[in-house]
Amino acid sequence: MELCEVSTCLEKVGLQYMATVGLDGKPKVRPVQFMVEYDGKLWFCTNSKKSMYAELVKNPWIDLCGSKLA
């Protein structure tokens, strides 16, 4: 699947859930929304003051789940 197909799918789903590794080493899952595909990457919105940002800086590995009900 091409990246443009992934971004189209994420736009259709609307809301995704992102799993990160918390600063305490435990998994954290939060609702997120895909924003844009840019420069060959998928971009999501967060704020540098949020704990999710600090978690991603420390450990950039994530899982992403999205599901659209009919």
PDB file of N, CA and C in Angstrom:
ATOM      1  N   MET A   1       0.850  -1.179   0.000  1.00  0.00           N
ATOM      2  CA  MET A   1       0.000   0.000   0.000  1.00  0.00           C
ATOM      3  C   MET A   1       0.894   1.240   0.000  1.00  0.00           C
ATOM      4  N   GLU A   2       0.608   2.165  -0.877  1.00  0.00           N
ATOM      5  CA  GLU A   2       1.354   3.427  -0.971  1.00  0.00           C
ATOM      6  C   GLU A   2       0.967   4.358   0.183  1.00  0.00           C
ATOM      7  N   LEU A   3       1.876   5.267   0.525  1.00  0.00           N
ATOM      8  CA  LEU A   3       1.627   6.204   1.617  1.00  0.00           C
ATOM      9  C   LEU A   3       0.396   7.062   1.360  1.00  0.00           C
ATOM     10  N   CYS A   4       0.167   7.464   0.116  1.00  0.00           N
ATOM     11  CA  CYS A   4      -1.006   8.278  -0.202  1.00  0.00           C
ATOM     12  C   CYS A   4      -2.286   7.485   0.050  1.00  0.00           C
ATOM     13  N   GLU A   5      -2.262   6.175  -0.160  1.00  0.00           N
ATOM     14  CA  GLU A   5      -3.428   5.340   0.130  1.00  0.00           C
ATOM     15  C   GLU A   5      -3.669   5.248   1.640  1.00  0.00           C
ATOM     16  N   VAL A   6      -2.588   5.166   2.401  1.00  0.00           N
ATOM     17  CA  VAL A   6      -2.702   5.127   3.866  1.00  0.00           C
ATOM     18  C   VAL A   6      -3.304   6.435   4.367  1.00  0.00           C
ATOM     19  N   SER A   7      -2.813   7.572   3.881  1.00  0.00           N
ATOM     20  CA  SER A   7      -3.332   8.865   4.345  1.00  0.00           C
ATOM     21  C   SER A   7      -4.797   9.040   3.958  1.00  0.00           C
ATOM     22  N   THR A   8      -5.196   8.578   2.777  1.00  0.00           N
ATOM     23  CA  THR A   8      -6.600   8.639   2.372  1.00  0.00           C
ATOM     24  C   THR A   8      -7.458   7.802   3.310  1.00  0.00           C
ATOM     25  N   CYS A   9      -6.981   6.622   3.660  1.00  0.00           N
ATOM     26  CA  CYS A   9      -7.698   5.749   4.590  1.00  0.00           C
ATOM     27  C   CYS A   9      -7.836   6.410   5.957  1.00  0.00           C
ATOM     28  N   LEU A  10      -6.753   7.005   6.455  1.00  0.00           N
ATOM     29  CA  LEU A  10      -6.799   7.663   7.764  1.00  0.00           C
ATOM     30  C   LEU A  10      -7.768   8.845   7.754  1.00  0.00           C
ATOM     31  N   GLU A  11      -7.817   9.585   6.654  1.00  0.00           N
ATOM     32  CA  GLU A  11      -8.754  10.703   6.547  1.00  0.00           C
ATOM     33  C   GLU A  11     -10.200  10.212   6.605  1.00  0.00           C
ATOM     34  N   LYS A  12     -10.470   9.073   5.965  1.00  0.00           N
ATOM     35  CA  LYS A  12     -11.827   8.520   5.960  1.00  0.00           C
ATOM     36  C   LYS A  12     -12.240   8.022   7.344  1.00  0.00           C
ATOM     37  N   VAL A  13     -11.283   7.424   8.067  1.00  0.00           N
ATOM     38  CA  VAL A  13     -11.581   6.905   9.406  1.00  0.00           C
ATOM     39  C   VAL A  13     -11.880   8.067  10.356  1.00  0.00           C
ATOM     40  N   GLY A  14     -11.093   9.126  10.281  1.00  0.00           N
ATOM     41  CA  GLY A  14     -11.323  10.299  11.118  1.00  0.00           C
ATOM     42  C   GLY A  14     -10.570  10.262  12.429  1.00  0.00           C
ATOM     43  N   LEU A  15     -10.876   9.300  13.285  1.00  0.00           N
ATOM     44  CA  LEU A  15     -10.247   9.236  14.604  1.00  0.00           C
ATOM     45  C   LEU A  15      -9.438   7.952  14.708  1.00  0.00           C
ATOM     46  N   GLN A  16      -8.216   8.094  15.164  1.00  0.00           N
ATOM     47  CA  GLN A  16      -7.356   6.944  15.377  1.00  0.00           C
ATOM     48  C   GLN A  16      -6.952   6.920  16.850  1.00  0.00           C
ATOM     49  N   TYR A  17      -6.381   5.797  17.254  1.00  0.00           N
ATOM     50  CA  TYR A  17      -5.848   5.664  18.606  1.00  0.00           C
ATOM     51  C   TYR A  17      -4.368   5.338  18.491  1.00  0.00           C
ATOM     52  N   MET A  18      -3.545   6.145  19.152  1.00  0.00           N
ATOM     53  CA  MET A  18      -2.105   5.984  19.100  1.00  0.00           C
ATOM     54  C   MET A  18      -1.609   5.432  20.432  1.00  0.00           C
ATOM     55  N   ALA A  19      -0.833   4.356  20.349  1.00  0.00           N
ATOM     56  CA  ALA A  19      -0.217   3.769  21.534  1.00  0.00           C
ATOM     57  C   ALA A  19       1.247   4.169  21.577  1.00  0.00           C
ATOM     58  N   THR A  20       1.664   4.676  22.717  1.00  0.00           N
ATOM     59  CA  THR A  20       3.058   5.058  22.939  1.00  0.00           C
ATOM     60  C   THR A  20       3.560   4.340  24.187  1.00  0.00           C
ATOM     61  N   VAL A  21       4.856   4.433  24.422  1.00  0.00           N
ATOM     62  CA  VAL A  21       5.429   3.959  25.670  1.00  0.00           C
ATOM     63  C   VAL A  21       5.530   5.170  26.584  1.00  0.00           C
ATOM     64  N   GLY A  22       4.831   5.113  27.717  1.00  0.00           N
ATOM     65  CA  GLY A  22       4.820   6.238  28.651  1.00  0.00           C
ATOM     66  C   GLY A  22       6.180   6.454  29.291  1.00  0.00           C
ATOM     67  N   LEU A  23       6.356   7.609  29.883  1.00  0.00           N
ATOM     68  CA  LEU A  23       7.611   7.923  30.569  1.00  0.00           C
ATOM     69  C   LEU A  23       7.848   6.977  31.739  1.00  0.00           C
ATOM     70  N   ASP A  24       6.779   6.349  32.215  1.00  0.00           N
ATOM     71  CA  ASP A  24       6.885   5.364  33.290  1.00  0.00           C
ATOM     72  C   ASP A  24       7.129   3.953  32.759  1.00  0.00           C
ATOM     73  N   GLY A  25       7.290   3.823  31.418  1.00  0.00           N
ATOM     74  CA  GLY A  25       7.553   2.536  30.801  1.00  0.00           C
ATOM     75  C   GLY A  25       6.309   1.712  30.510  1.00  0.00           C
ATOM     76  N   LYS A  26       5.136   2.240  30.840  1.00  0.00           N
ATOM     77  CA  LYS A  26       3.881   1.529  30.616  1.00  0.00           C
ATOM     78  C   LYS A  26       3.209   2.037  29.348  1.00  0.00           C
ATOM     79  N   PRO A  27       2.406   1.177  28.698  1.00  0.00           N
ATOM     80  CA  PRO A  27       1.734   1.624  27.466  1.00  0.00           C
ATOM     81  C   PRO A  27       0.675   2.678  27.740  1.00  0.00           C
ATOM     82  N   LYS A  28       0.560   3.615  26.823  1.00  0.00           N
ATOM     83  CA  LYS A  28      -0.460   4.677  26.879  1.00  0.00           C
ATOM     84  C   LYS A  28      -1.171   4.707  25.533  1.00  0.00           C
ATOM     85  N   VAL A  29      -2.482   4.796  25.548  1.00  0.00           N
ATOM     86  CA  VAL A  29      -3.266   4.870  24.314  1.00  0.00           C
ATOM     87  C   VAL A  29      -4.131   6.108  24.365  1.00  0.00           C
ATOM     88  N   ARG A  30      -4.076   6.908  23.290  1.00  0.00           N
ATOM     89  CA  ARG A  30      -4.842   8.155  23.244  1.00  0.00           C
ATOM     90  C   ARG A  30      -5.506   8.308  21.884  1.00  0.00           C
ATOM     91  N   PRO A  31      -6.648   8.980  21.850  1.00  0.00           N
ATOM     92  CA  PRO A  31      -7.230   9.308  20.550  1.00  0.00           C
ATOM     93  C   PRO A  31      -6.413  10.414  19.889  1.00  0.00           C
ATOM     94  N   VAL A  32      -6.169  10.263  18.599  1.00  0.00           N
ATOM     95  CA  VAL A  32      -5.455  11.276  17.809  1.00  0.00           C
ATOM     96  C   VAL A  32      -6.153  11.391  16.462  1.00  0.00           C
ATOM     97  N   GLN A  33      -5.812  12.422  15.742  1.00  0.00           N
ATOM     98  CA  GLN A  33      -6.361  12.582  14.400  1.00  0.00           C
ATOM     99  C   GLN A  33      -5.231  12.881  13.430  1.00  0.00           C
ATOM    100  N   PHE A  34      -5.219  12.135  12.339  1.00  0.00           N
ATOM    101  CA  PHE A  34      -4.247  12.359  11.279  1.00  0.00           C
ATOM    102  C   PHE A  34      -4.476  13.750  10.703  1.00  0.00           C
ATOM    103  N   MET A  35      -3.375  14.481  10.487  1.00  0.00           N
ATOM    104  CA  MET A  35      -3.491  15.849   9.988  1.00  0.00           C
ATOM    105  C   MET A  35      -3.144  15.961   8.494  1.00  0.00           C
ATOM    106  N   VAL A  36      -1.947  15.483   8.106  1.00  0.00           N
ATOM    107  CA  VAL A  36      -1.513  15.684   6.725  1.00  0.00           C
ATOM    108  C   VAL A  36      -0.368  14.722   6.390  1.00  0.00           C
ATOM    109  N   GLU A  37      -0.246  14.405   5.110  1.00  0.00           N
ATOM    110  CA  GLU A  37       0.922  13.699   4.601  1.00  0.00           C
ATOM    111  C   GLU A  37       1.835  14.770   4.016  1.00  0.00           C
ATOM    112  N   TYR A  38       3.078  14.820   4.488  1.00  0.00           N
ATOM    113  CA  TYR A  38       4.007  15.852   4.038  1.00  0.00           C
ATOM    114  C   TYR A  38       5.417  15.284   4.020  1.00  0.00           C
ATOM    115  N   ASP A  39       6.117  15.500   2.944  1.00  0.00           N
ATOM    116  CA  ASP A  39       7.514  15.120   2.819  1.00  0.00           C
ATOM    117  C   ASP A  39       7.719  13.621   3.094  1.00  0.00           C
ATOM    118  N   GLY A  40       6.764  12.801   2.632  1.00  0.00           N
ATOM    119  CA  GLY A  40       6.880  11.362   2.782  1.00  0.00           C
ATOM    120  C   GLY A  40       6.603  10.838   4.172  1.00  0.00           C
ATOM    121  N   LYS A  41       5.948  11.654   5.003  1.00  0.00           N
ATOM    122  CA  LYS A  41       5.641  11.257   6.379  1.00  0.00           C
ATOM    123  C   LYS A  41       4.184  11.571   6.693  1.00  0.00           C
ATOM    124  N   LEU A  42       3.639  10.824   7.648  1.00  0.00           N
ATOM    125  CA  LEU A  42       2.298  11.097   8.156  1.00  0.00           C
ATOM    126  C   LEU A  42       2.440  11.972   9.397  1.00  0.00           C
ATOM    127  N   TRP A  43       1.683  13.049   9.454  1.00  0.00           N
ATOM    128  CA  TRP A  43       1.778  13.990  10.566  1.00  0.00           C
ATOM    129  C   TRP A  43       0.491  13.975  11.375  1.00  0.00           C
ATOM    130  N   PHE A  44       0.660  13.948  12.697  1.00  0.00           N
ATOM    131  CA  PHE A  44      -0.452  14.014  13.644  1.00  0.00           C
ATOM    132  C   PHE A  44      -0.241  15.245  14.510  1.00  0.00           C
ATOM    133  N   CYS A  45      -1.294  15.743  15.092  1.00  0.00           N
ATOM    134  CA  CYS A  45      -1.199  16.974  15.874  1.00  0.00           C
ATOM    135  C   CYS A  45      -0.999  16.676  17.359  1.00  0.00           C
ATOM    136  N   THR A  46      -0.012  17.328  17.948  1.00  0.00           N
ATOM    137  CA  THR A  46       0.181  17.325  19.396  1.00  0.00           C
ATOM    138  C   THR A  46       0.834  18.647  19.784  1.00  0.00           C
ATOM    139  N   ASN A  47       1.165  18.794  21.028  1.00  0.00           N
ATOM    140  CA  ASN A  47       1.720  20.030  21.558  1.00  0.00           C
ATOM    141  C   ASN A  47       2.986  19.679  22.322  1.00  0.00           C
ATOM    142  N   SER A  48       4.018  20.490  22.211  1.00  0.00           N
ATOM    143  CA  SER A  48       5.295  20.175  22.871  1.00  0.00           C
ATOM    144  C   SER A  48       5.196  20.181  24.392  1.00  0.00           C
ATOM    145  N   LYS A  49       4.109  20.664  24.937  1.00  0.00           N
ATOM    146  CA  LYS A  49       3.912  20.662  26.394  1.00  0.00           C
ATOM    147  C   LYS A  49       3.164  19.411  26.870  1.00  0.00           C
ATOM    148  N   LYS A  50       2.684  18.597  25.952  1.00  0.00           N
ATOM    149  CA  LYS A  50       1.920  17.401  26.307  1.00  0.00           C
ATOM    150  C   LYS A  50       2.860  16.235  26.631  1.00  0.00           C
ATOM    151  N   SER A  51       2.379  15.346  27.502  1.00  0.00           N
ATOM    152  CA  SER A  51       3.191  14.177  27.862  1.00  0.00           C
ATOM    153  C   SER A  51       3.421  13.276  26.652  1.00  0.00           C
ATOM    154  N   MET A  52       2.469  13.212  25.727  1.00  0.00           N
ATOM    155  CA  MET A  52       2.641  12.389  24.536  1.00  0.00           C
ATOM    156  C   MET A  52       3.867  12.852  23.740  1.00  0.00           C
ATOM    157  N   TYR A  53       4.091  14.128  23.655  1.00  0.00           N
ATOM    158  CA  TYR A  53       5.251  14.666  22.950  1.00  0.00           C
ATOM    159  C   TYR A  53       6.546  14.183  23.605  1.00  0.00           C
ATOM    160  N   ALA A  54       6.624  14.292  24.920  1.00  0.00           N
ATOM    161  CA  ALA A  54       7.816  13.850  25.654  1.00  0.00           C
ATOM    162  C   ALA A  54       8.041  12.351  25.471  1.00  0.00           C
ATOM    163  N   GLU A  55       6.962  11.580  25.450  1.00  0.00           N
ATOM    164  CA  GLU A  55       7.065  10.137  25.238  1.00  0.00           C
ATOM    165  C   GLU A  55       7.620   9.836  23.852  1.00  0.00           C
ATOM    166  N   LEU A  56       7.148  10.565  22.843  1.00  0.00           N
ATOM    167  CA  LEU A  56       7.600  10.346  21.473  1.00  0.00           C
ATOM    168  C   LEU A  56       9.049  10.774  21.269  1.00  0.00           C
ATOM    169  N   VAL A  57       9.470  11.798  21.973  1.00  0.00           N
ATOM    170  CA  VAL A  57      10.875  12.225  21.898  1.00  0.00           C
ATOM    171  C   VAL A  57      11.765  11.129  22.486  1.00  0.00           C
ATOM    172  N   LYS A  58      11.341  10.568  23.618  1.00  0.00           N
ATOM    173  CA  LYS A  58      12.125   9.538  24.295  1.00  0.00           C
ATOM    174  C   LYS A  58      12.101   8.216  23.520  1.00  0.00           C
ATOM    175  N   ASN A  59      10.937   7.858  22.984  1.00  0.00           N
ATOM    176  CA  ASN A  59      10.780   6.589  22.276  1.00  0.00           C
ATOM    177  C   ASN A  59       9.792   6.804  21.126  1.00  0.00           C
ATOM    178  N   PRO A  60      10.281   6.967  19.892  1.00  0.00           N
ATOM    179  CA  PRO A  60       9.401   7.323  18.772  1.00  0.00           C
ATOM    180  C   PRO A  60       8.568   6.174  18.199  1.00  0.00           C
ATOM    181  N   TRP A  61       8.638   4.986  18.777  1.00  0.00           N
ATOM    182  CA  TRP A  61       7.862   3.855  18.269  1.00  0.00           C
ATOM    183  C   TRP A  61       6.418   3.944  18.733  1.00  0.00           C
ATOM    184  N   ILE A  62       5.488   3.741  17.796  1.00  0.00           N
ATOM    185  CA  ILE A  62       4.065   3.807  18.116  1.00  0.00           C
ATOM    186  C   ILE A  62       3.327   2.644  17.469  1.00  0.00           C
ATOM    187  N   ASP A  63       2.130   2.415  17.933  1.00  0.00           N
ATOM    188  CA  ASP A  63       1.141   1.608  17.216  1.00  0.00           C
ATOM    189  C   ASP A  63      -0.041   2.527  16.973  1.00  0.00           C
ATOM    190  N   LEU A  64      -0.679   2.329  15.838  1.00  0.00           N
ATOM    191  CA  LEU A  64      -1.819   3.171  15.466  1.00  0.00           C
ATOM    192  C   LEU A  64      -2.984   2.271  15.066  1.00  0.00           C
ATOM    193  N   CYS A  65      -4.133   2.575  15.591  1.00  0.00           N
ATOM    194  CA  CYS A  65      -5.318   1.793  15.288  1.00  0.00           C
ATOM    195  C   CYS A  65      -6.453   2.731  14.930  1.00  0.00           C
ATOM    196  N   GLY A  66      -7.166   2.415  13.887  1.00  0.00           N
ATOM    197  CA  GLY A  66      -8.333   3.202  13.486  1.00  0.00           C
ATOM    198  C   GLY A  66      -9.423   2.264  13.029  1.00  0.00           C
ATOM    199  N   SER A  67     -10.639   2.613  13.317  1.00  0.00           N
ATOM    200  CA  SER A  67     -11.763   1.777  12.908  1.00  0.00           C
ATOM    201  C   SER A  67     -12.969   2.667  12.669  1.00  0.00           C
ATOM    202  N   LYS A  68     -13.569   2.503  11.519  1.00  0.00           N
ATOM    203  CA  LYS A  68     -14.741   3.288  11.193  1.00  0.00           C
ATOM    204  C   LYS A  68     -15.959   2.378  11.186  1.00  0.00           C
ATOM    205  N   LEU A  69     -16.925   2.724  12.002  1.00  0.00           N
ATOM    206  CA  LEU A  69     -18.165   1.957  12.023  1.00  0.00           C
ATOM    207  C   LEU A  69     -19.054   2.420  10.884  1.00  0.00           C
ATOM    208  N   ALA A  70     -19.792   1.498  10.319  1.00  0.00           N
ATOM    209  CA  ALA A  70     -20.643   1.810   9.170  1.00  0.00           C
ATOM    210  C   ALA A  70     -21.748   2.774   9.487  1.00  0.00           C
TER     211      ALA A  70
END
